[in-house]
Amino acid sequence: MDSPTAHNFLFLFPDQLRRDFLSCYGATFIDTPNVDWIADHGVRYDNAYSASPLCVPARTALLTGMNALRNGVTDNLHALRPDYARSGIRTWPQILAAAGYYTAAVGKMHFYPWDARHGFQYRVVCEDKLWSLIRDDYYHYLKDRGLRKLGWREYGEYLDRKGVAHTDVPWEHSWDRYTGREARRFIDTHGRDGPFALMVGFPGPHDPYDPAKDFPHTYRAQDMPAPIPAADSHGGTLRAARIRSRAGMGMDLTSYTVEEMLDVRAHYAGLVKQIDHEVGELIDALRRNGLLDNTVIVFATDHGDHLGDHGIEGKATFYESASHVPLLVRVPGREGGAACPDLVELRDVTATMLALAGCTLPDYADAQPLPALGLDGKPPRSHVFGCLTQSWMAFDGRHKLAKYSGRAGPGEAHLFDLHTDPDEQNNLLASPGGEAAAVYSRLDAALTQEIMSSTAFAMHDRMPMPYSMSGGEDAAREGWTWPYPSPASAAAQVGDPY
């Protein structure tokens, strides 16, 4: 068993939070002083990306330290295999628990089933804001007070206002307020019992965009930053697919006006401000219990939100709005206020927490410790590779190649130079040839290699003979069977199949 260091971990994880709605990342229309405190006392990662910018894939990559292809979860309708432990996979909470940490998850985790623990010993569930039928802890909390969750169809205005909604649930009983209060309860009750690792999954600012009416901070549409327009050079297939998808639930994105987008942004900003308030109260809880100087604080999110950028809403693309995420890490005793420009991935948080705890990263994981924290690890990433069921991405810090499936028709590919085109308006593949062709070839080759490598590992559980087809007399006799699943560690020992 690895021995824990003296550090506790507080992992703050709001759902679907854009980095440019935080003042520590340059937002001027909103003030987020409590999140900023983490940046001022820690490291702000300016090039952090969610390689699978969708709720369940991003969270499963964090849980396992493996990319979406390796762990098999590339869609919100996928789940980590129930027998993952039999194939030698351990989640980061399981590893920390084995090392003596008390592991806790409060709020949204988006597990299947929703009340699974996956290594968390303490669990308070306040699930996804669109999963209104789930009878989680928050459901019972509301019911005891004569309140209830509303399904998105019950808001009435949700479809017409592209996700904006209003609720009569007061701020004191709202999703994120409940989650923050339950997290503080854990700190007050268990924080001094020994090292803990607490993950706080705020359900907001995910839609419905429903900030509490009685929260003191509200925002006006006219004060919001303008959305990035849809560009003709992108091809239109991706946006058309999003329009079809939303039409199936009754939302008309063909008429998604700038005014509607700004209205969405104002309500989204209200939710961000409410989460910032909870962050401040959690920091105060650590301070009140004498734990602040002994606790690593991580702030991140699973992905962003388009909020009208490129004429769409939601996530699940590799546009900056969805994939470029905030990531802050504060380690006690280390000088704060630093900004790190290196390319990092969300799942690198997993390797970082394990390293700070003195735990060994499993050999099957492809996460790596974050730079700028004094941890031993690999050189900074040269690329971020992304994967969802219908899309792939390769990004080298300047040029980003994204490929999207057309499902029933031709797909769509984007190549952007973020140094000269940070808003991703000019698709270099619209005028092929010259330098764009060379960049495409280089990124496509790197992406292909990554896809091949990850796919090979993903088949580890179906390997009857990890070493050689000619090894072992038992396998040559009638009636031989092989233990299933094969352990993940065997994948690292595979020889040349030829």
Protein backbone atom coordinates (compact mmCIF):
# COMPACT_ATOMS: atom_id res chain seq x y z
CA MET A 1 0.00 0.00 0.00
CA ASP A 2 1.26 3.48 -0.85
CA SER A 3 1.37 5.87 2.09
CA PRO A 4 -0.51 9.15 1.76
CA THR A 5 1.20 12.48 2.15
CA ALA A 6 -0.29 15.03 4.51
CA HIS A 7 -2.20 16.67 1.64
CA ASN A 8 -5.97 16.58 1.39
CA PHE A 9 -7.63 17.09 -2.01
CA LEU A 10 -10.58 19.32 -2.85
CA PHE A 11 -11.50 18.81 -6.50
CA LEU A 12 -14.06 21.40 -7.65
CA PHE A 13 -15.77 20.33 -10.85
CA PRO A 14 -18.64 22.45 -12.24
CA ASP A 15 -20.43 21.08 -15.28
CA GLN A 16 -20.04 22.74 -18.68
CA LEU A 17 -18.17 25.88 -17.56
CA ARG A 18 -16.50 28.12 -20.14
CA ARG A 19 -13.08 29.48 -19.19
CA ASP A 20 -13.85 32.91 -20.66
CA PHE A 21 -16.66 33.34 -18.11
CA LEU A 22 -14.07 33.51 -15.31
CA SER A 23 -12.29 36.75 -14.49
CA CYS A 24 -9.00 34.93 -13.87
CA TYR A 25 -9.12 34.01 -17.58
CA GLY A 26 -9.77 37.57 -18.67
CA ALA A 27 -13.56 37.99 -18.44
CA THR A 28 -14.43 41.63 -17.72
CA PHE A 29 -18.24 41.35 -17.67
CA ILE A 30 -18.26 39.07 -14.62
CA ASP A 31 -16.25 38.96 -11.41
CA THR A 32 -15.36 35.53 -9.96
CA PRO A 33 -13.12 36.42 -6.99
CA ASN A 34 -13.28 33.03 -5.29
CA VAL A 35 -12.22 31.04 -8.32
CA ASP A 36 -9.64 33.76 -8.92
CA TRP A 37 -8.26 33.10 -5.42
CA ILE A 38 -7.28 29.60 -6.52
CA ALA A 39 -5.49 31.03 -9.56
CA ASP A 40 -3.77 33.70 -7.45
CA HIS A 41 -2.46 31.03 -5.06
CA GLY A 42 -1.78 28.31 -7.59
CA VAL A 43 -1.10 27.60 -11.25
CA ARG A 44 -3.44 28.65 -14.05
CA TYR A 45 -3.19 26.40 -17.10
CA ASP A 46 -3.82 28.47 -20.19
CA ASN A 47 -3.84 25.60 -22.68
CA ALA A 48 -5.90 22.95 -20.94
CA TYR A 49 -8.21 20.86 -23.13
CA SER A 50 -10.94 18.32 -22.63
CA ALA A 51 -10.01 15.64 -25.15
CA SER A 52 -13.58 14.28 -25.11
CA PRO A 53 -15.78 17.35 -24.58
CA LEU A 54 -18.95 15.57 -23.52
CA CYS A 55 -20.12 14.79 -19.97
CA VAL A 56 -19.71 11.01 -19.59
CA PRO A 57 -16.60 10.54 -21.81
CA ALA A 58 -14.76 13.40 -20.11
CA ARG A 59 -15.62 12.14 -16.64
CA THR A 60 -14.73 8.53 -17.45
CA ALA A 61 -11.35 9.63 -18.79
CA LEU A 62 -10.75 11.40 -15.47
CA LEU A 63 -11.94 8.42 -13.45
CA THR A 64 -9.62 5.96 -15.20
CA GLY A 65 -6.73 8.14 -16.36
CA MET A 66 -7.25 6.73 -19.87
CA ASN A 67 -8.45 8.40 -23.05
CA ALA A 68 -11.91 7.63 -24.39
CA LEU A 69 -10.80 5.00 -26.88
CA ARG A 70 -8.74 3.16 -24.30
CA ASN A 71 -11.53 3.07 -21.71
CA GLY A 72 -14.29 2.47 -24.30
CA VAL A 73 -16.53 5.43 -23.41
CA THR A 74 -16.85 7.84 -26.34
CA ASP A 75 -20.48 8.90 -25.94
CA ASN A 76 -22.96 9.95 -23.26
CA LEU A 77 -24.82 6.70 -23.82
CA HIS A 78 -21.73 4.60 -23.08
CA ALA A 79 -20.67 3.44 -19.64
CA LEU A 80 -17.54 2.09 -18.02
CA ARG A 81 -17.86 -1.69 -18.14
CA PRO A 82 -19.26 -2.99 -14.82
CA ASP A 83 -16.48 -5.58 -14.50
CA TYR A 84 -13.65 -3.09 -15.03
CA ALA A 85 -11.99 -4.24 -11.80
CA ARG A 86 -11.73 -7.82 -13.15
CA SER A 87 -9.58 -6.52 -16.02
CA GLY A 88 -7.23 -4.79 -13.62
CA ILE A 89 -8.57 -1.25 -13.95
CA ARG A 90 -8.70 0.89 -10.83
CA THR A 91 -10.26 4.33 -10.55
CA TRP A 92 -8.39 7.18 -8.93
CA PRO A 93 -10.71 7.14 -5.88
CA GLN A 94 -10.01 3.43 -5.46
CA ILE A 95 -6.26 4.03 -5.62
CA LEU A 96 -6.43 6.85 -3.09
CA ALA A 97 -8.75 4.87 -0.81
CA ALA A 98 -6.27 1.97 -0.82
CA ALA A 99 -3.58 4.47 0.16
CA GLY A 100 -5.49 5.60 3.24
CA TYR A 101 -7.57 8.51 1.93
CA TYR A 102 -11.24 8.95 2.72
CA THR A 103 -12.71 9.46 -0.73
CA ALA A 104 -15.91 11.45 -1.19
CA ALA A 105 -18.07 12.54 -4.12
CA VAL A 106 -20.74 15.21 -3.67
CA GLY A 107 -23.02 16.38 -6.49
CA LYS A 108 -23.06 15.27 -10.10
CA MET A 109 -20.77 12.43 -11.22
CA HIS A 110 -22.83 11.11 -14.18
CA PHE A 111 -22.21 7.45 -13.37
CA TYR A 112 -24.18 4.48 -14.70
CA PRO A 113 -26.03 3.49 -12.61
CA TRP A 114 -26.43 6.95 -11.12
CA ASP A 115 -25.84 5.74 -7.56
CA ALA A 116 -22.63 3.82 -8.38
CA ARG A 117 -19.61 4.67 -6.25
CA HIS A 118 -16.60 3.66 -8.38
CA GLY A 119 -14.31 3.88 -5.37
CA PHE A 120 -15.87 6.83 -3.56
CA GLN A 121 -16.54 5.79 0.03
CA TYR A 122 -18.80 8.75 0.84
CA ARG A 123 -21.47 9.82 -1.63
CA VAL A 124 -24.15 12.54 -1.78
CA VAL A 125 -25.90 12.60 -5.17
CA CYS A 126 -27.26 15.66 -6.95
CA GLU A 127 -27.31 14.53 -10.54
CA ASP A 128 -27.54 16.14 -13.97
CA LYS A 129 -30.07 18.97 -14.27
CA LEU A 130 -31.75 17.22 -17.21
CA TRP A 131 -32.12 13.91 -15.32
CA SER A 132 -35.14 15.19 -13.43
CA LEU A 133 -36.67 11.76 -12.76
CA ILE A 134 -33.72 10.46 -10.73
CA ARG A 135 -34.63 9.90 -7.09
CA ASP A 136 -31.25 11.03 -5.80
CA ASP A 137 -30.43 12.74 -2.50
CA TYR A 138 -31.39 16.13 -3.91
CA TYR A 139 -34.78 14.76 -4.98
CA HIS A 140 -35.52 13.69 -1.41
CA TYR A 141 -34.17 16.97 -0.02
CA LEU A 142 -36.59 18.94 -2.20
CA LYS A 143 -39.51 16.63 -1.47
CA ASP A 144 -39.04 17.04 2.28
CA ARG A 145 -39.49 20.79 1.72
CA GLY A 146 -42.51 20.58 -0.52
CA LEU A 147 -40.43 21.26 -3.65
CA ARG A 148 -39.41 19.18 -6.64
CA LYS A 149 -37.15 19.11 -9.67
CA LEU A 150 -38.68 20.26 -12.93
CA GLY A 151 -38.17 18.37 -16.17
CA TRP A 152 -37.01 20.55 -19.02
CA ARG A 153 -40.38 20.17 -20.75
CA GLU A 154 -42.09 21.62 -17.67
CA TYR A 155 -40.22 24.92 -17.84
CA GLY A 156 -42.30 25.93 -20.85
CA GLU A 157 -39.87 28.57 -22.10
CA TYR A 158 -36.89 26.17 -22.25
CA LEU A 159 -37.28 25.26 -25.92
CA ASP A 160 -38.24 28.71 -27.18
CA ARG A 161 -35.42 30.44 -25.30
CA LYS A 162 -32.75 27.87 -26.21
CA GLY A 163 -32.26 26.54 -22.69
CA VAL A 164 -33.17 29.57 -20.58
CA ALA A 165 -35.59 28.66 -17.81
CA HIS A 166 -36.97 30.00 -14.57
CA THR A 167 -37.85 28.13 -11.43
CA ASP A 168 -39.63 28.97 -8.20
CA VAL A 169 -37.03 27.01 -6.19
CA PRO A 170 -35.23 29.66 -4.10
CA TRP A 171 -31.46 30.00 -4.18
CA GLU A 172 -31.07 28.38 -0.76
CA HIS A 173 -32.49 25.14 -2.18
CA SER A 174 -31.04 25.34 -5.71
CA TRP A 175 -28.86 22.64 -7.30
CA ASP A 176 -25.45 24.19 -6.73
CA ARG A 177 -26.31 25.65 -3.33
CA TYR A 178 -27.34 22.19 -2.14
CA THR A 179 -24.15 20.65 -3.55
CA GLY A 180 -21.93 23.28 -1.94
CA ARG A 181 -23.66 22.93 1.42
CA GLU A 182 -23.30 19.13 1.41
CA ALA A 183 -19.61 19.46 0.52
CA ARG A 184 -19.12 21.87 3.42
CA ARG A 185 -20.91 19.39 5.67
CA PHE A 186 -18.36 16.74 4.70
CA ILE A 187 -15.45 19.08 5.46
CA ASP A 188 -16.92 20.11 8.81
CA THR A 189 -17.70 16.52 9.80
CA HIS A 190 -14.81 14.50 8.37
CA GLY A 191 -12.15 16.99 7.32
CA ARG A 192 -9.96 16.50 10.41
CA ASP A 193 -10.29 12.72 10.58
CA GLY A 194 -7.32 12.12 8.27
CA PRO A 195 -6.41 12.72 4.64
CA PHE A 196 -9.44 13.06 2.40
CA ALA A 197 -10.09 13.42 -1.32
CA LEU A 198 -13.36 15.25 -1.96
CA MET A 199 -14.72 15.77 -5.47
CA VAL A 200 -17.51 18.35 -5.73
CA GLY A 201 -19.53 18.05 -8.94
CA PHE A 202 -21.64 21.17 -9.31
CA PRO A 203 -24.57 20.48 -11.70
CA GLY A 204 -24.35 24.04 -13.05
CA PRO A 205 -23.81 26.03 -15.15
CA HIS A 206 -25.17 23.28 -17.43
CA ASP A 207 -28.59 24.05 -18.89
CA PRO A 208 -31.36 24.64 -18.03
CA TYR A 209 -29.93 28.12 -17.52
CA ASP A 210 -31.97 28.82 -14.41
CA PRO A 211 -30.20 31.10 -11.93
CA ALA A 212 -32.20 31.64 -8.76
CA LYS A 213 -34.42 34.71 -8.83
CA ASP A 214 -33.41 35.71 -5.31
CA PHE A 215 -29.64 35.46 -5.82
CA PRO A 216 -28.23 39.01 -5.49
CA HIS A 217 -26.19 39.03 -8.72
CA THR A 218 -27.95 39.17 -12.09
CA TYR A 219 -26.65 39.96 -15.57
CA ARG A 220 -28.02 41.82 -18.56
CA ALA A 221 -27.95 40.48 -22.10
CA GLN A 222 -26.49 43.73 -23.45
CA ASP A 223 -23.43 43.32 -21.21
CA MET A 224 -22.52 39.88 -22.50
CA PRO A 225 -19.72 39.25 -25.04
CA ALA A 226 -20.93 38.73 -28.59
CA PRO A 227 -21.01 35.15 -29.92
CA ILE A 228 -18.60 33.98 -32.61
CA PRO A 229 -20.53 33.86 -35.90
CA ALA A 230 -21.01 30.75 -38.01
CA ALA A 231 -18.53 30.72 -40.91
CA ASP A 232 -19.29 29.49 -44.42
CA SER A 233 -15.84 27.91 -44.73
CA HIS A 234 -16.72 25.25 -42.16
CA GLY A 235 -18.96 23.36 -44.57
CA GLY A 236 -22.24 23.40 -42.64
CA THR A 237 -22.53 19.66 -42.01
CA LEU A 238 -21.73 19.92 -38.31
CA ARG A 239 -24.18 22.75 -37.68
CA ALA A 240 -26.88 21.03 -39.73
CA ALA A 241 -26.48 17.89 -37.62
CA ARG A 242 -26.87 19.93 -34.43
CA ILE A 243 -30.00 21.60 -35.81
CA ARG A 244 -31.50 18.19 -36.66
CA SER A 245 -30.64 16.84 -33.23
CA ARG A 246 -32.30 19.70 -31.39
CA ALA A 247 -35.29 19.67 -33.73
CA GLY A 248 -36.00 16.16 -32.47
CA MET A 249 -36.59 17.56 -28.97
CA GLY A 250 -38.53 20.59 -30.24
CA MET A 251 -35.82 23.26 -30.19
CA ASP A 252 -35.46 25.31 -33.39
CA LEU A 253 -31.84 26.38 -33.89
CA THR A 254 -32.45 27.61 -37.42
CA SER A 255 -33.72 30.82 -35.83
CA TYR A 256 -31.07 31.10 -33.10
CA THR A 257 -30.68 34.89 -33.10
CA VAL A 258 -27.90 36.96 -31.55
CA GLU A 259 -30.45 38.40 -29.11
CA GLU A 260 -31.36 34.88 -27.97
CA MET A 261 -27.69 33.99 -27.61
CA LEU A 262 -27.02 37.03 -25.41
CA ASP A 263 -30.06 36.16 -23.29
CA VAL A 264 -28.67 32.65 -22.80
CA ARG A 265 -25.28 34.06 -21.86
CA ALA A 266 -26.72 36.40 -19.24
CA HIS A 267 -28.52 33.53 -17.50
CA TYR A 268 -25.44 31.32 -17.81
CA ALA A 269 -23.35 34.06 -16.18
CA GLY A 270 -25.80 34.08 -13.28
CA LEU A 271 -25.16 30.39 -12.68
CA VAL A 272 -21.39 30.90 -12.88
CA LYS A 273 -21.64 33.62 -10.22
CA GLN A 274 -23.63 31.29 -7.95
CA ILE A 275 -20.93 28.61 -8.29
CA ASP A 276 -18.21 31.14 -7.51
CA HIS A 277 -20.07 31.92 -4.27
CA GLU A 278 -20.02 28.21 -3.33
CA VAL A 279 -16.31 27.99 -4.11
CA GLY A 280 -15.70 30.85 -1.67
CA GLU A 281 -17.70 29.14 1.07
CA LEU A 282 -15.79 25.89 0.57
CA ILE A 283 -12.46 27.70 0.85
CA ASP A 284 -13.75 29.34 4.03
CA ALA A 285 -14.76 25.90 5.36
CA LEU A 286 -11.19 24.67 4.87
CA ARG A 287 -9.86 27.79 6.59
CA ARG A 288 -12.35 27.51 9.48
CA ASN A 289 -11.32 23.91 10.10
CA GLY A 290 -7.59 24.64 9.93
CA LEU A 291 -7.26 22.66 6.70
CA LEU A 292 -6.49 25.30 4.09
CA ASP A 293 -2.71 25.04 4.47
CA ASN A 294 -2.94 21.28 4.09
CA THR A 295 -5.26 20.92 1.10
CA VAL A 296 -4.59 20.78 -2.63
CA ILE A 297 -7.39 22.56 -4.51
CA VAL A 298 -8.12 21.67 -8.12
CA PHE A 299 -10.67 23.56 -10.21
CA ALA A 300 -11.68 22.24 -13.64
CA THR A 301 -14.67 21.28 -15.76
CA ASP A 302 -15.64 18.47 -18.13
CA HIS A 303 -16.11 20.79 -21.15
CA GLY A 304 -17.39 24.21 -22.14
CA ASP A 305 -20.57 25.42 -23.81
CA HIS A 306 -20.97 27.03 -27.23
CA LEU A 307 -23.61 29.51 -26.01
CA GLY A 308 -24.30 30.46 -29.63
CA ASP A 309 -20.71 30.41 -30.90
CA HIS A 310 -20.67 29.13 -34.50
CA GLY A 311 -24.48 29.24 -34.44
CA ILE A 312 -24.90 26.27 -32.08
CA GLU A 313 -25.40 25.45 -28.42
CA GLY A 314 -24.17 22.74 -26.10
CA LYS A 315 -20.86 20.94 -26.47
CA ALA A 316 -19.46 17.80 -28.20
CA THR A 317 -17.30 19.61 -30.76
CA PHE A 318 -13.63 20.51 -30.77
CA TYR A 319 -14.28 24.22 -31.15
CA GLU A 320 -12.49 26.23 -28.48
CA SER A 321 -15.82 27.06 -26.82
CA ALA A 322 -16.35 23.39 -25.98
CA SER A 323 -12.89 21.85 -25.66
CA HIS A 324 -10.64 24.60 -24.22
CA VAL A 325 -11.32 24.42 -20.50
CA PRO A 326 -10.30 26.17 -17.27
CA LEU A 327 -7.84 24.31 -15.06
CA LEU A 328 -6.39 25.68 -11.82
CA VAL A 329 -4.27 23.83 -9.24
CA ARG A 330 -3.25 25.21 -5.88
CA VAL A 331 -0.68 23.21 -3.92
CA PRO A 332 0.05 24.40 -0.35
CA GLY A 333 3.55 25.68 0.14
CA ARG A 334 4.15 26.46 -3.51
CA GLU A 335 4.29 29.99 -4.83
CA GLY A 336 1.06 30.96 -6.57
CA GLY A 337 -0.02 33.28 -9.33
CA ALA A 338 1.78 31.36 -12.08
CA ALA A 339 0.47 30.80 -15.60
CA CYS A 340 1.53 27.68 -17.47
CA PRO A 341 1.39 27.77 -21.30
CA ASP A 342 2.03 24.04 -21.84
CA LEU A 343 -0.53 21.81 -23.53
CA VAL A 344 -2.32 19.71 -20.92
CA GLU A 345 -5.40 17.49 -20.85
CA LEU A 346 -8.19 17.27 -18.32
CA ARG A 347 -7.36 13.69 -17.42
CA ASP A 348 -3.86 14.82 -16.40
CA VAL A 349 -5.56 15.90 -13.17
CA THR A 350 -5.80 12.19 -12.31
CA ALA A 351 -2.07 11.58 -12.66
CA THR A 352 -1.37 14.79 -10.74
CA MET A 353 -3.46 13.90 -7.71
CA LEU A 354 -1.93 10.43 -7.56
CA ALA A 355 1.58 11.87 -7.83
CA LEU A 356 0.93 14.45 -5.11
CA ALA A 357 -0.42 11.66 -2.89
CA GLY A 358 2.66 9.54 -3.46
CA CYS A 359 0.67 6.88 -5.33
CA THR A 360 1.88 5.03 -8.41
CA LEU A 361 0.11 5.77 -11.69
CA PRO A 362 -1.13 2.49 -13.23
CA ASP A 363 0.85 1.38 -16.26
CA TYR A 364 -2.26 1.30 -18.45
CA ALA A 365 -3.04 5.02 -17.88
CA ASP A 366 -2.04 7.63 -20.46
CA ALA A 367 -2.58 10.61 -18.17
CA GLN A 368 0.57 12.36 -16.98
CA PRO A 369 1.34 14.75 -14.11
CA LEU A 370 0.72 18.40 -14.85
CA PRO A 371 3.78 20.59 -15.40
CA ALA A 372 4.75 23.59 -13.25
CA LEU A 373 4.08 21.75 -9.97
CA GLY A 374 7.54 20.29 -9.42
CA LEU A 375 6.42 16.73 -10.13
CA ASP A 376 8.48 14.17 -11.96
CA GLY A 377 6.88 13.14 -15.21
CA LYS A 378 7.08 13.06 -18.95
CA PRO A 379 7.99 16.10 -21.05
CA PRO A 380 5.06 18.43 -21.79
CA ARG A 381 2.62 17.15 -24.37
CA SER A 382 3.35 18.00 -27.99
CA HIS A 383 -0.24 17.23 -29.02
CA VAL A 384 -3.71 16.85 -27.59
CA PHE A 385 -5.70 14.12 -29.31
CA GLY A 386 -9.48 14.15 -29.00
CA CYS A 387 -12.05 11.44 -29.49
CA LEU A 388 -15.82 11.13 -29.43
CA THR A 389 -17.99 8.60 -31.24
CA GLN A 390 -18.54 10.87 -34.24
CA SER A 391 -15.39 13.03 -34.16
CA TRP A 392 -11.61 13.06 -33.78
CA MET A 393 -9.13 15.85 -33.19
CA ALA A 394 -5.37 16.55 -33.22
CA PHE A 395 -3.99 19.82 -31.85
CA ASP A 396 -0.34 20.81 -31.57
CA GLY A 397 -0.83 24.08 -29.71
CA ARG A 398 -1.18 26.10 -32.88
CA HIS A 399 -2.93 24.10 -35.58
CA LYS A 400 -6.06 22.14 -34.82
CA LEU A 401 -7.43 19.41 -37.09
CA ALA A 402 -10.96 18.19 -36.32
CA LYS A 403 -12.85 15.51 -38.24
CA TYR A 404 -16.60 14.98 -37.93
CA SER A 405 -18.70 12.11 -39.23
CA GLY A 406 -21.57 12.99 -41.53
CA ARG A 407 -23.49 9.89 -40.37
CA ALA A 408 -25.80 9.60 -43.40
CA GLY A 409 -23.68 11.73 -45.73
CA PRO A 410 -20.26 13.31 -46.21
CA GLY A 411 -18.40 14.32 -43.09
CA GLU A 412 -16.70 17.61 -42.34
CA ALA A 413 -13.10 18.48 -41.50
CA HIS A 414 -11.72 21.69 -40.01
CA LEU A 415 -8.15 22.93 -39.86
CA PHE A 416 -7.54 26.13 -37.90
CA ASP A 417 -4.45 28.19 -37.12
CA LEU A 418 -5.24 29.48 -33.64
CA HIS A 419 -2.29 31.89 -33.65
CA THR A 420 -3.76 33.91 -36.49
CA ASP A 421 -7.40 32.85 -36.13
CA PRO A 422 -8.30 32.37 -32.44
CA ASP A 423 -12.04 32.51 -33.19
CA GLU A 424 -11.75 29.60 -35.64
CA GLN A 425 -13.39 31.36 -38.55
CA ASN A 426 -11.04 30.43 -41.40
CA ASN A 427 -11.08 26.73 -42.23
CA LEU A 428 -7.77 26.23 -44.03
CA LEU A 429 -9.14 23.13 -45.73
CA ALA A 430 -11.61 25.26 -47.66
CA SER A 431 -8.67 26.24 -49.91
CA PRO A 432 -6.45 23.14 -49.93
CA GLY A 433 -2.85 23.17 -51.01
CA GLY A 434 0.35 24.87 -49.94
CA GLU A 435 1.17 25.07 -46.25
CA ALA A 436 -2.30 23.86 -45.23
CA ALA A 437 -1.73 20.56 -47.03
CA ALA A 438 1.54 19.97 -45.20
CA VAL A 439 0.00 20.82 -41.82
CA TYR A 440 -2.97 18.55 -42.52
CA SER A 441 -0.68 15.67 -43.50
CA ARG A 442 1.42 16.04 -40.35
CA LEU A 443 -1.53 16.25 -37.95
CA ASP A 444 -3.45 13.50 -39.72
CA ALA A 445 -0.47 11.14 -39.44
CA ALA A 446 -0.10 11.89 -35.73
CA LEU A 447 -3.84 11.40 -35.18
CA THR A 448 -3.84 8.10 -37.07
CA GLN A 449 -0.97 6.79 -34.96
CA GLU A 450 -2.75 7.75 -31.75
CA ILE A 451 -6.03 6.16 -32.87
CA MET A 452 -4.22 2.94 -33.80
CA SER A 453 -2.32 2.79 -30.52
CA SER A 454 -5.39 3.47 -28.39
CA THR A 455 -7.52 0.98 -30.32
CA ALA A 456 -4.88 -1.72 -29.85
CA PHE A 457 -4.93 -1.19 -26.10
CA ALA A 458 -8.75 -1.13 -26.01
CA MET A 459 -8.73 -4.78 -27.14
CA HIS A 460 -6.62 -5.94 -24.18
CA ASP A 461 -9.49 -7.77 -22.51
CA ARG A 462 -9.97 -10.02 -25.54
CA MET A 463 -6.39 -11.33 -25.68
CA PRO A 464 -6.34 -15.07 -24.89
CA MET A 465 -2.55 -15.09 -25.27
CA PRO A 466 -0.83 -11.82 -24.42
CA TYR A 467 2.61 -13.07 -25.40
CA SER A 468 2.55 -15.46 -28.34
CA MET A 469 0.17 -17.79 -30.16
CA SER A 470 2.79 -20.54 -29.89
CA GLY A 471 3.31 -20.31 -26.15
CA GLY A 472 2.01 -22.78 -23.61
CA GLU A 473 1.23 -26.46 -24.06
CA ASP A 474 -2.15 -26.15 -22.34
CA ALA A 475 -3.46 -23.98 -25.15
CA ALA A 476 -2.63 -26.71 -27.66
CA ARG A 477 -4.88 -29.30 -26.06
CA GLU A 478 -8.60 -29.87 -26.59
CA GLY A 479 -10.95 -28.07 -24.27
CA TRP A 480 -8.62 -25.21 -23.40
CA THR A 481 -10.32 -22.07 -22.20
CA TRP A 482 -8.87 -18.68 -21.36
CA PRO A 483 -9.72 -16.43 -18.44
CA TYR A 484 -11.79 -13.44 -19.47
CA PRO A 485 -11.17 -10.56 -19.29
CA SER A 486 -7.41 -10.43 -19.75
CA PRO A 487 -5.76 -7.87 -17.47
CA ALA A 488 -4.96 -4.41 -18.77
CA SER A 489 -1.34 -4.86 -17.73
CA ALA A 490 -0.99 -7.58 -20.39
CA ALA A 491 -1.46 -5.01 -23.13
CA ALA A 492 1.92 -3.49 -22.33
CA GLN A 493 3.58 -6.88 -22.90
CA VAL A 494 2.23 -7.66 -26.34
CA GLY A 495 4.85 -8.75 -28.81
CA ASP A 496 4.95 -8.38 -32.58
CA PRO A 497 1.73 -9.97 -33.94
CA TYR A 498 3.39 -10.77 -37.23
